[in-house]
Each structure stands twice: as structure tokens, then as C-alpha cells.
All heavy atoms as atom14 arrays in JSON, in Angstrom:
{
  "sequence": "IEFPEYSVECYNDPSVGINPDAAYDCGKPVGPIWKV",
  "atom14_mask": [
    [1, 1, 1, 1, 1, 1, 1, 1, 0, 0, 0, 0, 0, 0],
    [1, 1, 1, 1, 1, 1, 1, 1, 1, 0, 0, 0, 0, 0],
    [1, 1, 1, 1, 1, 1, 1, 1, 1, 1, 1, 0, 0, 0],
    [1, 1, 1, 1, 1, 1, 1, 0, 0, 0, 0, 0, 0, 0],
    [1, 1, 1, 1, 1, 1, 1, 1, 1, 0, 0, 0, 0, 0],
    [1, 1, 1, 1, 1, 1, 1, 1, 1, 1, 1, 1, 0, 0],
    [1, 1, 1, 1, 1, 1, 0, 0, 0, 0, 0, 0, 0, 0],
    [1, 1, 1, 1, 1, 1, 1, 0, 0, 0, 0, 0, 0, 0],
    [1, 1, 1, 1, 1, 1, 1, 1, 1, 0, 0, 0, 0, 0],
    [1, 1, 1, 1, 1, 1, 0, 0, 0, 0, 0, 0, 0, 0],
    [1, 1, 1, 1, 1, 1, 1, 1, 1, 1, 1, 1, 0, 0],
    [1, 1, 1, 1, 1, 1, 1, 1, 0, 0, 0, 0, 0, 0],
    [1, 1, 1, 1, 1, 1, 1, 1, 0, 0, 0, 0, 0, 0],
    [1, 1, 1, 1, 1, 1, 1, 0, 0, 0, 0, 0, 0, 0],
    [1, 1, 1, 1, 1, 1, 0, 0, 0, 0, 0, 0, 0, 0],
    [1, 1, 1, 1, 1, 1, 1, 0, 0, 0, 0, 0, 0, 0],
    [1, 1, 1, 1, 0, 0, 0, 0, 0, 0, 0, 0, 0, 0],
    [1, 1, 1, 1, 1, 1, 1, 1, 0, 0, 0, 0, 0, 0],
    [1, 1, 1, 1, 1, 1, 1, 1, 0, 0, 0, 0, 0, 0],
    [1, 1, 1, 1, 1, 1, 1, 0, 0, 0, 0, 0, 0, 0],
    [1, 1, 1, 1, 1, 1, 1, 1, 0, 0, 0, 0, 0, 0],
    [1, 1, 1, 1, 1, 0, 0, 0, 0, 0, 0, 0, 0, 0],
    [1, 1, 1, 1, 1, 0, 0, 0, 0, 0, 0, 0, 0, 0],
    [1, 1, 1, 1, 1, 1, 1, 1, 1, 1, 1, 1, 0, 0],
    [1, 1, 1, 1, 1, 1, 1, 1, 0, 0, 0, 0, 0, 0],
    [1, 1, 1, 1, 1, 1, 0, 0, 0, 0, 0, 0, 0, 0],
    [1, 1, 1, 1, 0, 0, 0, 0, 0, 0, 0, 0, 0, 0],
    [1, 1, 1, 1, 1, 1, 1, 1, 1, 0, 0, 0, 0, 0],
    [1, 1, 1, 1, 1, 1, 1, 0, 0, 0, 0, 0, 0, 0],
    [1, 1, 1, 1, 1, 1, 1, 0, 0, 0, 0, 0, 0, 0],
    [1, 1, 1, 1, 0, 0, 0, 0, 0, 0, 0, 0, 0, 0],
    [1, 1, 1, 1, 1, 1, 1, 0, 0, 0, 0, 0, 0, 0],
    [1, 1, 1, 1, 1, 1, 1, 1, 0, 0, 0, 0, 0, 0],
    [1, 1, 1, 1, 1, 1, 1, 1, 1, 1, 1, 1, 1, 1],
    [1, 1, 1, 1, 1, 1, 1, 1, 1, 0, 0, 0, 0, 0],
    [1, 1, 1, 1, 1, 1, 1, 0, 0, 0, 0, 0, 0, 0]
  ],
  "atom14_positions": [
    [[138.19, 129.15, 108.13], [139.38, 128.95, 107.31], [139.92, 130.31, 107.0], [139.22, 131.28, 106.56], [139.15, 128.13, 106.07], [138.61, 126.81, 106.51], [140.28, 128.12, 105.22], [139.69, 125.86, 107.09], [0.0, 0.0, 0.0], [0.0, 0.0, 0.0], [0.0, 0.0, 0.0], [0.0, 0.0, 0.0], [0.0, 0.0, 0.0], [0.0, 0.0, 0.0]],
    [[141.28, 130.51, 107.09], [141.88, 131.86, 106.7], [142.38, 131.7, 105.27], [143.5, 131.15, 104.97], [143.04, 132.04, 107.68], [142.56, 132.32, 109.13], [143.66, 132.54, 110.1], [144.88, 132.54, 109.67], [143.4, 132.77, 111.28], [0.0, 0.0, 0.0], [0.0, 0.0, 0.0], [0.0, 0.0, 0.0], [0.0, 0.0, 0.0], [0.0, 0.0, 0.0]],
    [[141.65, 132.22, 104.31], [141.98, 132.33, 102.95], [142.76, 133.51, 102.63], [142.74, 134.48, 103.49], [140.71, 132.28, 102.05], [139.99, 130.97, 101.98], [138.79, 130.76, 102.69], [140.55, 129.93, 101.29], [138.11, 129.49, 102.57], [139.95, 128.61, 101.27], [138.67, 128.51, 101.88], [0.0, 0.0, 0.0], [0.0, 0.0, 0.0], [0.0, 0.0, 0.0]],
    [[143.36, 133.67, 101.46], [143.91, 134.98, 101.08], [142.85, 136.04, 101.24], [141.74, 135.86, 100.94], [144.39, 134.76, 99.6], [144.59, 133.27, 99.54], [143.59, 132.62, 100.45], [0.0, 0.0, 0.0], [0.0, 0.0, 0.0], [0.0, 0.0, 0.0], [0.0, 0.0, 0.0], [0.0, 0.0, 0.0], [0.0, 0.0, 0.0], [0.0, 0.0, 0.0]],
    [[143.34, 137.26, 101.63], [142.35, 138.36, 101.9], [141.59, 138.68, 100.67], [142.11, 138.83, 99.54], [143.16, 139.51, 102.43], [142.23, 140.7, 102.89], [143.05, 141.83, 103.58], [144.21, 141.74, 103.59], [142.37, 142.86, 103.89], [0.0, 0.0, 0.0], [0.0, 0.0, 0.0], [0.0, 0.0, 0.0], [0.0, 0.0, 0.0], [0.0, 0.0, 0.0]],
    [[140.3, 138.94, 100.87], [139.4, 139.35, 99.85], [139.7, 140.71, 99.34], [140.14, 141.63, 100.06], [137.95, 139.32, 100.35], [137.02, 140.07, 99.41], [136.48, 139.45, 98.28], [136.63, 141.4, 99.72], [135.62, 140.11, 97.44], [135.79, 142.11, 98.81], [135.26, 141.48, 97.73], [134.4, 142.11, 96.86], [0.0, 0.0, 0.0], [0.0, 0.0, 0.0]],
    [[139.5, 140.91, 98.02], [139.47, 142.32, 97.4], [138.47, 142.29, 96.28], [138.26, 141.14, 95.73], [140.89, 142.71, 96.95], [141.27, 141.94, 95.77], [0.0, 0.0, 0.0], [0.0, 0.0, 0.0], [0.0, 0.0, 0.0], [0.0, 0.0, 0.0], [0.0, 0.0, 0.0], [0.0, 0.0, 0.0], [0.0, 0.0, 0.0], [0.0, 0.0, 0.0]],
    [[138.0, 143.36, 95.86], [137.11, 143.46, 94.78], [137.84, 142.97, 93.54], [137.23, 142.24, 92.62], [136.59, 144.91, 94.57], [135.82, 145.11, 93.28], [135.83, 145.36, 95.82], [0.0, 0.0, 0.0], [0.0, 0.0, 0.0], [0.0, 0.0, 0.0], [0.0, 0.0, 0.0], [0.0, 0.0, 0.0], [0.0, 0.0, 0.0], [0.0, 0.0, 0.0]],
    [[139.09, 143.32, 93.37], [139.84, 142.93, 92.24], [140.11, 141.46, 92.14], [140.14, 140.88, 91.05], [141.25, 143.65, 92.16], [141.26, 145.14, 92.05], [140.77, 145.85, 93.29], [140.81, 145.22, 94.4], [140.38, 147.05, 93.2], [0.0, 0.0, 0.0], [0.0, 0.0, 0.0], [0.0, 0.0, 0.0], [0.0, 0.0, 0.0], [0.0, 0.0, 0.0]],
    [[140.2, 140.73, 93.29], [140.35, 139.31, 93.32], [139.16, 138.64, 92.71], [139.33, 137.6, 92.0], [140.51, 138.87, 94.77], [140.23, 137.09, 95.01], [0.0, 0.0, 0.0], [0.0, 0.0, 0.0], [0.0, 0.0, 0.0], [0.0, 0.0, 0.0], [0.0, 0.0, 0.0], [0.0, 0.0, 0.0], [0.0, 0.0, 0.0], [0.0, 0.0, 0.0]],
    [[137.99, 139.13, 92.87], [136.7, 138.64, 92.3], [136.58, 138.99, 90.81], [135.92, 138.26, 90.0], [135.55, 139.12, 93.04], [135.1, 138.26, 94.18], [136.0, 137.54, 94.99], [133.74, 138.1, 94.56], [135.59, 136.69, 96.08], [133.31, 137.36, 95.62], [134.3, 136.62, 96.37], [133.83, 135.89, 97.46], [0.0, 0.0, 0.0], [0.0, 0.0, 0.0]],
    [[137.1, 140.11, 90.46], [136.85, 140.66, 88.99], [138.05, 140.55, 88.09], [137.84, 140.68, 86.87], [136.38, 142.09, 89.15], [135.1, 142.2, 89.91], [134.23, 141.32, 89.77], [134.95, 143.25, 90.76], [0.0, 0.0, 0.0], [0.0, 0.0, 0.0], [0.0, 0.0, 0.0], [0.0, 0.0, 0.0], [0.0, 0.0, 0.0], [0.0, 0.0, 0.0]],
    [[139.23, 140.44, 88.56], [140.36, 140.42, 87.67], [141.26, 139.23, 87.92], [141.95, 139.14, 89.01], [141.26, 141.68, 88.0], [142.43, 141.87, 87.06], [142.71, 140.91, 86.33], [143.1, 142.89, 87.15], [0.0, 0.0, 0.0], [0.0, 0.0, 0.0], [0.0, 0.0, 0.0], [0.0, 0.0, 0.0], [0.0, 0.0, 0.0], [0.0, 0.0, 0.0]],
    [[141.22, 138.19, 87.02], [142.03, 137.03, 87.25], [143.53, 137.24, 87.52], [144.18, 136.38, 88.13], [141.82, 136.17, 85.94], [140.5, 136.7, 85.45], [140.49, 138.18, 85.79], [0.0, 0.0, 0.0], [0.0, 0.0, 0.0], [0.0, 0.0, 0.0], [0.0, 0.0, 0.0], [0.0, 0.0, 0.0], [0.0, 0.0, 0.0], [0.0, 0.0, 0.0]],
    [[144.07, 138.31, 87.0], [145.48, 138.58, 87.21], [145.8, 138.96, 88.64], [147.05, 138.92, 89.06], [145.99, 139.63, 86.25], [145.45, 140.83, 86.64], [0.0, 0.0, 0.0], [0.0, 0.0, 0.0], [0.0, 0.0, 0.0], [0.0, 0.0, 0.0], [0.0, 0.0, 0.0], [0.0, 0.0, 0.0], [0.0, 0.0, 0.0], [0.0, 0.0, 0.0]],
    [[144.85, 139.33, 89.43], [145.06, 139.69, 90.82], [144.92, 138.49, 91.73], [144.05, 137.69, 91.58], [144.1, 140.82, 91.3], [144.22, 141.07, 92.77], [144.29, 142.04, 90.48], [0.0, 0.0, 0.0], [0.0, 0.0, 0.0], [0.0, 0.0, 0.0], [0.0, 0.0, 0.0], [0.0, 0.0, 0.0], [0.0, 0.0, 0.0], [0.0, 0.0, 0.0]],
    [[145.9, 138.35, 92.68], [145.84, 137.24, 93.56], [146.87, 136.2, 93.31], [147.69, 136.37, 92.41], [0.0, 0.0, 0.0], [0.0, 0.0, 0.0], [0.0, 0.0, 0.0], [0.0, 0.0, 0.0], [0.0, 0.0, 0.0], [0.0, 0.0, 0.0], [0.0, 0.0, 0.0], [0.0, 0.0, 0.0], [0.0, 0.0, 0.0], [0.0, 0.0, 0.0]],
    [[146.82, 135.09, 94.05], [147.91, 134.08, 93.96], [147.81, 133.26, 92.71], [148.74, 132.64, 92.3], [147.92, 133.19, 95.23], [146.69, 132.35, 95.32], [148.07, 134.08, 96.48], [146.75, 131.34, 96.41], [0.0, 0.0, 0.0], [0.0, 0.0, 0.0], [0.0, 0.0, 0.0], [0.0, 0.0, 0.0], [0.0, 0.0, 0.0], [0.0, 0.0, 0.0]],
    [[146.67, 133.13, 92.08], [146.53, 132.46, 90.82], [146.28, 133.48, 89.71], [145.2, 134.07, 89.63], [145.34, 131.48, 90.88], [145.18, 130.64, 89.62], [145.76, 130.99, 88.56], [144.44, 129.5, 89.75], [0.0, 0.0, 0.0], [0.0, 0.0, 0.0], [0.0, 0.0, 0.0], [0.0, 0.0, 0.0], [0.0, 0.0, 0.0], [0.0, 0.0, 0.0]],
    [[147.31, 133.66, 88.84], [147.13, 134.73, 87.79], [146.23, 134.47, 86.77], [145.92, 135.31, 85.86], [148.58, 134.86, 87.28], [149.17, 133.53, 87.48], [148.58, 133.02, 88.8], [0.0, 0.0, 0.0], [0.0, 0.0, 0.0], [0.0, 0.0, 0.0], [0.0, 0.0, 0.0], [0.0, 0.0, 0.0], [0.0, 0.0, 0.0], [0.0, 0.0, 0.0]],
    [[145.62, 133.22, 86.75], [144.73, 132.84, 85.65], [143.3, 132.64, 86.08], [142.46, 132.21, 85.32], [145.22, 131.53, 85.02], [146.6, 131.59, 84.48], [146.9, 132.64, 83.79], [147.5, 130.7, 84.73], [0.0, 0.0, 0.0], [0.0, 0.0, 0.0], [0.0, 0.0, 0.0], [0.0, 0.0, 0.0], [0.0, 0.0, 0.0], [0.0, 0.0, 0.0]],
    [[142.95, 132.94, 87.33], [141.65, 132.72, 87.87], [141.19, 133.73, 88.83], [142.02, 134.25, 89.66], [141.55, 131.32, 88.47], [0.0, 0.0, 0.0], [0.0, 0.0, 0.0], [0.0, 0.0, 0.0], [0.0, 0.0, 0.0], [0.0, 0.0, 0.0], [0.0, 0.0, 0.0], [0.0, 0.0, 0.0], [0.0, 0.0, 0.0], [0.0, 0.0, 0.0]],
    [[139.94, 134.19, 88.81], [139.36, 135.0, 89.83], [138.95, 134.13, 90.98], [139.0, 132.9, 90.95], [138.16, 135.77, 89.27], [0.0, 0.0, 0.0], [0.0, 0.0, 0.0], [0.0, 0.0, 0.0], [0.0, 0.0, 0.0], [0.0, 0.0, 0.0], [0.0, 0.0, 0.0], [0.0, 0.0, 0.0], [0.0, 0.0, 0.0], [0.0, 0.0, 0.0]],
    [[138.47, 134.8, 92.04], [137.94, 134.08, 93.22], [139.03, 133.3, 94.02], [138.75, 132.37, 94.72], [136.75, 133.23, 92.96], [135.69, 133.95, 92.22], [135.48, 133.71, 90.81], [134.87, 134.89, 92.82], [134.44, 134.43, 90.13], [133.93, 135.6, 92.14], [133.69, 135.3, 90.8], [132.8, 136.02, 90.15], [0.0, 0.0, 0.0], [0.0, 0.0, 0.0]],
    [[140.33, 133.7, 93.85], [141.37, 133.0, 94.58], [141.67, 133.69, 95.88], [142.76, 134.04, 96.19], [142.61, 132.86, 93.7], [143.08, 134.27, 93.07], [142.22, 135.18, 93.06], [144.22, 134.39, 92.69], [0.0, 0.0, 0.0], [0.0, 0.0, 0.0], [0.0, 0.0, 0.0], [0.0, 0.0, 0.0], [0.0, 0.0, 0.0], [0.0, 0.0, 0.0]],
    [[140.57, 133.93, 96.65], [140.67, 134.63, 97.94], [139.46, 134.27, 98.73], [138.54, 133.51, 98.32], [140.71, 136.16, 97.69], [139.34, 136.83, 96.9], [0.0, 0.0, 0.0], [0.0, 0.0, 0.0], [0.0, 0.0, 0.0], [0.0, 0.0, 0.0], [0.0, 0.0, 0.0], [0.0, 0.0, 0.0], [0.0, 0.0, 0.0], [0.0, 0.0, 0.0]],
    [[139.41, 134.76, 99.99], [138.21, 134.48, 100.86], [137.02, 135.34, 100.39], [137.06, 136.09, 99.49], [0.0, 0.0, 0.0], [0.0, 0.0, 0.0], [0.0, 0.0, 0.0], [0.0, 0.0, 0.0], [0.0, 0.0, 0.0], [0.0, 0.0, 0.0], [0.0, 0.0, 0.0], [0.0, 0.0, 0.0], [0.0, 0.0, 0.0], [0.0, 0.0, 0.0]],
    [[135.97, 135.13, 101.17], [134.77, 135.93, 100.95], [134.84, 137.33, 101.52], [135.55, 137.53, 102.57], [133.58, 135.18, 101.5], [133.28, 133.73, 100.97], [132.15, 133.12, 101.63], [132.05, 131.59, 101.28], [131.53, 131.38, 99.98], [0.0, 0.0, 0.0], [0.0, 0.0, 0.0], [0.0, 0.0, 0.0], [0.0, 0.0, 0.0], [0.0, 0.0, 0.0]],
    [[134.16, 138.24, 101.06], [134.12, 139.58, 101.67], [133.38, 139.57, 103.0], [132.54, 138.71, 103.31], [133.37, 140.45, 100.67], [132.48, 139.51, 99.92], [133.26, 138.21, 99.84], [0.0, 0.0, 0.0], [0.0, 0.0, 0.0], [0.0, 0.0, 0.0], [0.0, 0.0, 0.0], [0.0, 0.0, 0.0], [0.0, 0.0, 0.0], [0.0, 0.0, 0.0]],
    [[133.58, 140.62, 103.81], [132.98, 140.82, 105.09], [132.42, 142.24, 104.95], [133.15, 143.12, 104.48], [133.93, 140.59, 106.24], [133.21, 141.08, 107.53], [134.37, 139.22, 106.37], [0.0, 0.0, 0.0], [0.0, 0.0, 0.0], [0.0, 0.0, 0.0], [0.0, 0.0, 0.0], [0.0, 0.0, 0.0], [0.0, 0.0, 0.0], [0.0, 0.0, 0.0]],
    [[131.27, 142.45, 105.41], [130.67, 143.81, 105.28], [129.26, 143.88, 105.75], [128.66, 142.99, 106.25], [0.0, 0.0, 0.0], [0.0, 0.0, 0.0], [0.0, 0.0, 0.0], [0.0, 0.0, 0.0], [0.0, 0.0, 0.0], [0.0, 0.0, 0.0], [0.0, 0.0, 0.0], [0.0, 0.0, 0.0], [0.0, 0.0, 0.0], [0.0, 0.0, 0.0]],
    [[128.6, 145.0, 105.44], [127.21, 145.25, 105.86], [126.21, 144.33, 105.25], [126.42, 143.7, 104.22], [126.98, 146.7, 105.45], [128.33, 147.29, 105.17], [129.17, 146.17, 104.7], [0.0, 0.0, 0.0], [0.0, 0.0, 0.0], [0.0, 0.0, 0.0], [0.0, 0.0, 0.0], [0.0, 0.0, 0.0], [0.0, 0.0, 0.0], [0.0, 0.0, 0.0]],
    [[125.07, 144.23, 105.88], [123.85, 143.63, 105.33], [123.0, 144.83, 104.95], [122.66, 145.65, 105.78], [123.15, 142.68, 106.34], [124.08, 141.5, 106.66], [121.8, 142.29, 105.71], [123.5, 140.59, 107.7], [0.0, 0.0, 0.0], [0.0, 0.0, 0.0], [0.0, 0.0, 0.0], [0.0, 0.0, 0.0], [0.0, 0.0, 0.0], [0.0, 0.0, 0.0]],
    [[122.63, 144.95, 103.62], [121.95, 146.09, 103.11], [120.49, 145.92, 103.0], [120.02, 144.8, 102.94], [122.58, 146.38, 101.7], [124.05, 146.58, 101.66], [124.95, 145.66, 101.47], [124.71, 147.77, 101.98], [126.25, 146.17, 101.46], [126.14, 147.48, 101.77], [124.31, 149.12, 102.3], [127.11, 148.53, 101.92], [125.31, 150.04, 102.4], [126.72, 149.76, 102.29]],
    [[119.78, 147.05, 102.88], [118.35, 147.09, 102.54], [118.18, 147.69, 101.2], [118.73, 148.73, 100.93], [117.57, 147.86, 103.61], [117.81, 147.39, 105.08], [117.41, 148.48, 106.1], [118.36, 149.64, 106.07], [118.21, 150.56, 107.22], [0.0, 0.0, 0.0], [0.0, 0.0, 0.0], [0.0, 0.0, 0.0], [0.0, 0.0, 0.0], [0.0, 0.0, 0.0]],
    [[117.33, 147.14, 100.34], [117.18, 147.61, 98.97], [115.69, 147.61, 98.75], [114.85, 146.93, 99.32], [117.98, 146.82, 97.94], [119.38, 146.76, 98.21], [117.35, 145.37, 97.8], [0.0, 0.0, 0.0], [0.0, 0.0, 0.0], [0.0, 0.0, 0.0], [0.0, 0.0, 0.0], [0.0, 0.0, 0.0], [0.0, 0.0, 0.0], [0.0, 0.0, 0.0]]
  ]
}
């Protein structure tokens, strides 16, 4: 599914994205698998 593009702000700032009142209004991030 093609959701609105992910950004760190989308997850952390409700004012960012298509829903100004909620976070997570975007797709999931894509990136590395890390070792810790």
C-alpha cells in the first residue's frame, strides 16, 4: 500500500502530515537493519 511518505516528524509531531491532530499519519520507514 502506498501511504503518505514517512518522516521522523510524522511519527513525533501531530501537526505534521495530512492529519494535524495525530501522529503516525504516514507509512512506515524504510532503512537499515542494525546491530546493537
